Amino acid sequence: MSDELIRGANEPEEELKEIEKHLRSINPRLFEGIGKKKKDEILRSITFTLIQEKTHSGPIPDPETLSHYNKIIPNGAERIMAMAENQQKT
């Protein structure tokens, strides 16, 4: 499963669409006969059961993680990059 399917990887609606797309790629008829409300309820419950295990090595996180830092810390990605650049100078 791709990192986009991991809880918190995207905005909630985008996340549901990604999970649905992935599940439909496995079984195109999975949601056949299920209404939108019930389908969304099922997809939302799946987002709470996914677990993320991510490892990182090195001074610079991957682009997705940098993007998340920007969402929660003003100029977070830029600050991390500056920190990594400063560490390389010493």
N, C-alpha and C. Protein backbone atom coordinates (compact mmCIF):
# COMPACT_ATOMS: atom_id res chain seq x y z
N MET A 1 0.84 -1.17 0.00
CA MET A 1 0.00 0.00 0.00
C MET A 1 0.88 1.23 0.00
N SER A 2 0.51 2.25 -0.72
CA SER A 2 1.34 3.43 -0.83
C SER A 2 1.21 4.30 0.41
N ASP A 3 2.19 5.19 0.62
CA ASP A 3 2.17 6.09 1.76
C ASP A 3 0.94 6.99 1.75
N GLU A 4 0.38 7.27 0.54
CA GLU A 4 -0.80 8.11 0.47
C GLU A 4 -1.99 7.49 1.17
N LEU A 5 -1.95 6.18 1.34
CA LEU A 5 -3.07 5.51 1.98
C LEU A 5 -2.93 5.48 3.49
N ILE A 6 -1.86 6.01 3.99
CA ILE A 6 -1.62 6.00 5.41
C ILE A 6 -2.36 7.17 6.04
N ARG A 7 -2.94 6.94 7.21
CA ARG A 7 -3.71 7.98 7.89
C ARG A 7 -2.88 9.23 8.07
N GLY A 8 -3.45 10.35 7.71
CA GLY A 8 -2.75 11.61 7.84
C GLY A 8 -1.93 11.98 6.63
N ALA A 9 -1.83 11.08 5.64
CA ALA A 9 -1.03 11.36 4.48
C ALA A 9 -1.62 12.42 3.60
N ASN A 10 -2.92 12.53 3.57
CA ASN A 10 -3.61 13.50 2.73
C ASN A 10 -4.71 14.19 3.52
N GLU A 11 -5.38 15.10 2.87
CA GLU A 11 -6.58 15.67 3.46
C GLU A 11 -7.61 14.55 3.54
N PRO A 12 -8.54 14.62 4.49
CA PRO A 12 -9.47 13.51 4.71
C PRO A 12 -10.21 13.02 3.47
N GLU A 13 -10.76 13.91 2.65
CA GLU A 13 -11.50 13.47 1.47
C GLU A 13 -10.58 12.84 0.43
N GLU A 14 -9.40 13.40 0.25
CA GLU A 14 -8.43 12.82 -0.68
C GLU A 14 -8.02 11.43 -0.20
N GLU A 15 -7.85 11.31 1.09
CA GLU A 15 -7.46 10.03 1.69
C GLU A 15 -8.51 8.97 1.41
N LEU A 16 -9.78 9.32 1.59
CA LEU A 16 -10.86 8.36 1.32
C LEU A 16 -10.86 7.93 -0.14
N LYS A 17 -10.65 8.89 -1.04
CA LYS A 17 -10.62 8.57 -2.48
C LYS A 17 -9.47 7.63 -2.80
N GLU A 18 -8.30 7.86 -2.18
CA GLU A 18 -7.14 7.01 -2.42
C GLU A 18 -7.38 5.59 -1.92
N ILE A 19 -7.98 5.48 -0.75
CA ILE A 19 -8.27 4.15 -0.19
C ILE A 19 -9.28 3.43 -1.08
N GLU A 20 -10.32 4.15 -1.49
CA GLU A 20 -11.33 3.54 -2.37
C GLU A 20 -10.69 3.09 -3.68
N LYS A 21 -9.85 3.93 -4.25
CA LYS A 21 -9.18 3.59 -5.51
C LYS A 21 -8.34 2.32 -5.35
N HIS A 22 -7.61 2.26 -4.25
CA HIS A 22 -6.77 1.09 -4.00
C HIS A 22 -7.63 -0.17 -3.84
N LEU A 23 -8.69 -0.06 -3.04
CA LEU A 23 -9.55 -1.23 -2.83
C LEU A 23 -10.23 -1.67 -4.12
N ARG A 24 -10.65 -0.71 -4.94
CA ARG A 24 -11.29 -1.06 -6.21
C ARG A 24 -10.30 -1.69 -7.19
N SER A 25 -9.01 -1.34 -7.05
CA SER A 25 -8.01 -1.97 -7.92
C SER A 25 -7.85 -3.45 -7.56
N ILE A 26 -8.12 -3.79 -6.32
CA ILE A 26 -8.07 -5.18 -5.88
C ILE A 26 -9.35 -5.92 -6.26
N ASN A 27 -10.49 -5.24 -6.03
CA ASN A 27 -11.79 -5.84 -6.32
C ASN A 27 -12.73 -4.75 -6.85
N PRO A 28 -12.85 -4.62 -8.17
CA PRO A 28 -13.68 -3.56 -8.76
C PRO A 28 -15.14 -3.59 -8.32
N ARG A 29 -15.63 -4.72 -7.88
CA ARG A 29 -17.05 -4.83 -7.50
C ARG A 29 -17.26 -4.73 -5.98
N LEU A 30 -16.23 -4.36 -5.26
CA LEU A 30 -16.27 -4.37 -3.80
C LEU A 30 -17.44 -3.58 -3.22
N PHE A 31 -17.70 -2.40 -3.75
CA PHE A 31 -18.76 -1.55 -3.19
C PHE A 31 -20.07 -1.64 -3.95
N GLU A 32 -20.18 -2.64 -4.80
CA GLU A 32 -21.40 -2.82 -5.57
C GLU A 32 -22.59 -3.02 -4.62
N GLY A 33 -23.64 -2.24 -4.82
CA GLY A 33 -24.85 -2.36 -4.01
C GLY A 33 -24.77 -1.66 -2.66
N ILE A 34 -23.67 -0.97 -2.40
CA ILE A 34 -23.52 -0.24 -1.14
C ILE A 34 -23.69 1.24 -1.43
N GLY A 35 -24.54 1.90 -0.66
CA GLY A 35 -24.79 3.33 -0.86
C GLY A 35 -23.58 4.17 -0.47
N LYS A 36 -23.56 5.42 -0.97
CA LYS A 36 -22.44 6.32 -0.72
C LYS A 36 -22.20 6.54 0.77
N LYS A 37 -23.26 6.74 1.52
CA LYS A 37 -23.11 7.01 2.96
C LYS A 37 -22.44 5.82 3.66
N LYS A 38 -22.91 4.62 3.38
CA LYS A 38 -22.33 3.43 4.00
C LYS A 38 -20.90 3.20 3.52
N LYS A 39 -20.67 3.42 2.22
CA LYS A 39 -19.33 3.26 1.66
C LYS A 39 -18.35 4.22 2.35
N ASP A 40 -18.75 5.49 2.51
CA ASP A 40 -17.89 6.47 3.17
C ASP A 40 -17.63 6.07 4.63
N GLU A 41 -18.63 5.53 5.28
CA GLU A 41 -18.48 5.07 6.67
C GLU A 41 -17.44 3.94 6.74
N ILE A 42 -17.53 3.02 5.80
CA ILE A 42 -16.57 1.91 5.74
C ILE A 42 -15.17 2.44 5.49
N LEU A 43 -15.03 3.35 4.51
CA LEU A 43 -13.72 3.91 4.19
C LEU A 43 -13.14 4.68 5.37
N ARG A 44 -13.97 5.44 6.08
CA ARG A 44 -13.48 6.18 7.25
C ARG A 44 -13.00 5.23 8.34
N SER A 45 -13.70 4.12 8.51
CA SER A 45 -13.26 3.18 9.54
C SER A 45 -11.93 2.54 9.16
N ILE A 46 -11.70 2.36 7.86
CA ILE A 46 -10.42 1.80 7.41
C ILE A 46 -9.28 2.76 7.71
N THR A 47 -9.51 4.06 7.56
CA THR A 47 -8.43 5.01 7.80
C THR A 47 -7.94 4.94 9.23
N PHE A 48 -8.79 4.53 10.15
CA PHE A 48 -8.37 4.45 11.55
C PHE A 48 -7.66 3.15 11.87
N THR A 49 -7.69 2.20 10.96
CA THR A 49 -7.03 0.92 11.23
C THR A 49 -5.69 0.78 10.52
N LEU A 50 -5.38 1.69 9.61
CA LEU A 50 -4.10 1.64 8.92
C LEU A 50 -2.99 2.10 9.85
N ILE A 51 -1.87 1.46 9.76
CA ILE A 51 -0.72 1.80 10.60
C ILE A 51 0.43 2.19 9.69
N GLN A 52 1.15 3.19 10.11
CA GLN A 52 2.28 3.66 9.32
C GLN A 52 3.57 3.27 10.02
N GLU A 53 4.43 2.65 9.26
CA GLU A 53 5.78 2.42 9.73
C GLU A 53 6.70 3.02 8.70
N LYS A 54 7.44 4.02 9.12
CA LYS A 54 8.28 4.75 8.20
C LYS A 54 9.65 4.93 8.84
N THR A 55 10.67 4.63 8.10
CA THR A 55 12.01 4.84 8.61
C THR A 55 12.69 5.92 7.79
N HIS A 56 13.66 6.54 8.40
CA HIS A 56 14.36 7.63 7.74
C HIS A 56 15.80 7.60 8.18
N SER A 57 16.69 7.85 7.24
CA SER A 57 18.10 7.93 7.55
C SER A 57 18.67 9.14 6.82
N GLY A 58 19.36 9.97 7.53
CA GLY A 58 19.96 11.14 6.91
C GLY A 58 19.36 12.41 7.46
N PRO A 59 19.94 13.54 7.09
CA PRO A 59 19.51 14.82 7.66
C PRO A 59 18.24 15.39 7.04
N ILE A 60 17.86 14.90 5.87
CA ILE A 60 16.70 15.50 5.18
C ILE A 60 15.58 14.47 5.05
N PRO A 61 14.40 14.79 5.58
CA PRO A 61 13.25 13.89 5.42
C PRO A 61 12.78 13.84 3.96
N ASP A 62 11.96 12.85 3.65
CA ASP A 62 11.40 12.75 2.30
C ASP A 62 10.46 13.93 2.04
N PRO A 63 10.17 14.22 0.77
CA PRO A 63 9.33 15.38 0.42
C PRO A 63 7.96 15.38 1.09
N GLU A 64 7.35 14.22 1.22
CA GLU A 64 6.03 14.16 1.86
C GLU A 64 6.10 14.61 3.32
N THR A 65 7.12 14.15 4.03
CA THR A 65 7.28 14.54 5.42
C THR A 65 7.57 16.03 5.53
N LEU A 66 8.42 16.55 4.64
CA LEU A 66 8.68 17.99 4.63
C LEU A 66 7.40 18.79 4.42
N SER A 67 6.56 18.30 3.53
CA SER A 67 5.28 18.96 3.28
C SER A 67 4.41 18.99 4.54
N HIS A 68 4.42 17.89 5.28
CA HIS A 68 3.64 17.84 6.53
C HIS A 68 4.19 18.83 7.55
N TYR A 69 5.51 18.95 7.62
CA TYR A 69 6.09 19.94 8.54
C TYR A 69 5.62 21.34 8.18
N ASN A 70 5.55 21.64 6.89
CA ASN A 70 5.06 22.96 6.46
C ASN A 70 3.63 23.22 6.90
N LYS A 71 2.84 22.17 6.99
CA LYS A 71 1.44 22.34 7.40
C LYS A 71 1.31 22.64 8.88
N ILE A 72 2.23 22.15 9.70
CA ILE A 72 2.08 22.32 11.14
C ILE A 72 3.05 23.33 11.75
N ILE A 73 4.12 23.64 11.05
CA ILE A 73 5.12 24.61 11.53
C ILE A 73 5.35 25.64 10.43
N PRO A 74 5.20 26.93 10.73
CA PRO A 74 5.46 27.94 9.70
C PRO A 74 6.88 27.78 9.14
N ASN A 75 6.98 27.66 7.82
CA ASN A 75 8.26 27.48 7.13
C ASN A 75 9.02 26.26 7.63
N GLY A 76 8.30 25.24 8.07
CA GLY A 76 8.92 24.05 8.64
C GLY A 76 9.92 23.39 7.72
N ALA A 77 9.57 23.19 6.47
CA ALA A 77 10.47 22.53 5.52
C ALA A 77 11.72 23.37 5.30
N GLU A 78 11.54 24.67 5.15
CA GLU A 78 12.69 25.56 4.94
C GLU A 78 13.62 25.52 6.15
N ARG A 79 13.05 25.49 7.35
CA ARG A 79 13.86 25.46 8.56
C ARG A 79 14.64 24.14 8.66
N ILE A 80 14.02 23.04 8.28
CA ILE A 80 14.71 21.76 8.30
C ILE A 80 15.85 21.74 7.29
N MET A 81 15.58 22.26 6.10
CA MET A 81 16.63 22.31 5.07
C MET A 81 17.81 23.18 5.55
N ALA A 82 17.51 24.32 6.16
CA ALA A 82 18.57 25.19 6.66
C ALA A 82 19.37 24.48 7.75
N MET A 83 18.70 23.75 8.61
CA MET A 83 19.38 23.01 9.66
C MET A 83 20.32 21.96 9.05
N ALA A 84 19.85 21.24 8.04
CA ALA A 84 20.68 20.23 7.38
C ALA A 84 21.88 20.87 6.70
N GLU A 85 21.65 21.99 6.04
CA GLU A 85 22.76 22.71 5.38
C GLU A 85 23.78 23.18 6.39
N ASN A 86 23.32 23.69 7.53
CA ASN A 86 24.25 24.14 8.57
C ASN A 86 25.04 22.99 9.15
N GLN A 87 24.44 21.85 9.30
CA GLN A 87 25.14 20.68 9.82
C GLN A 87 26.21 20.23 8.85
N GLN A 88 25.98 20.36 7.57
CA GLN A 88 26.96 19.94 6.57
C GLN A 88 28.19 20.86 6.55
N LYS A 89 28.00 22.11 6.98
CA LYS A 89 29.10 23.06 6.99
C LYS A 89 30.12 22.76 8.08
N THR A 90 29.67 22.13 9.15
CA THR A 90 30.57 21.86 10.28
C THR A 90 31.22 20.52 10.20
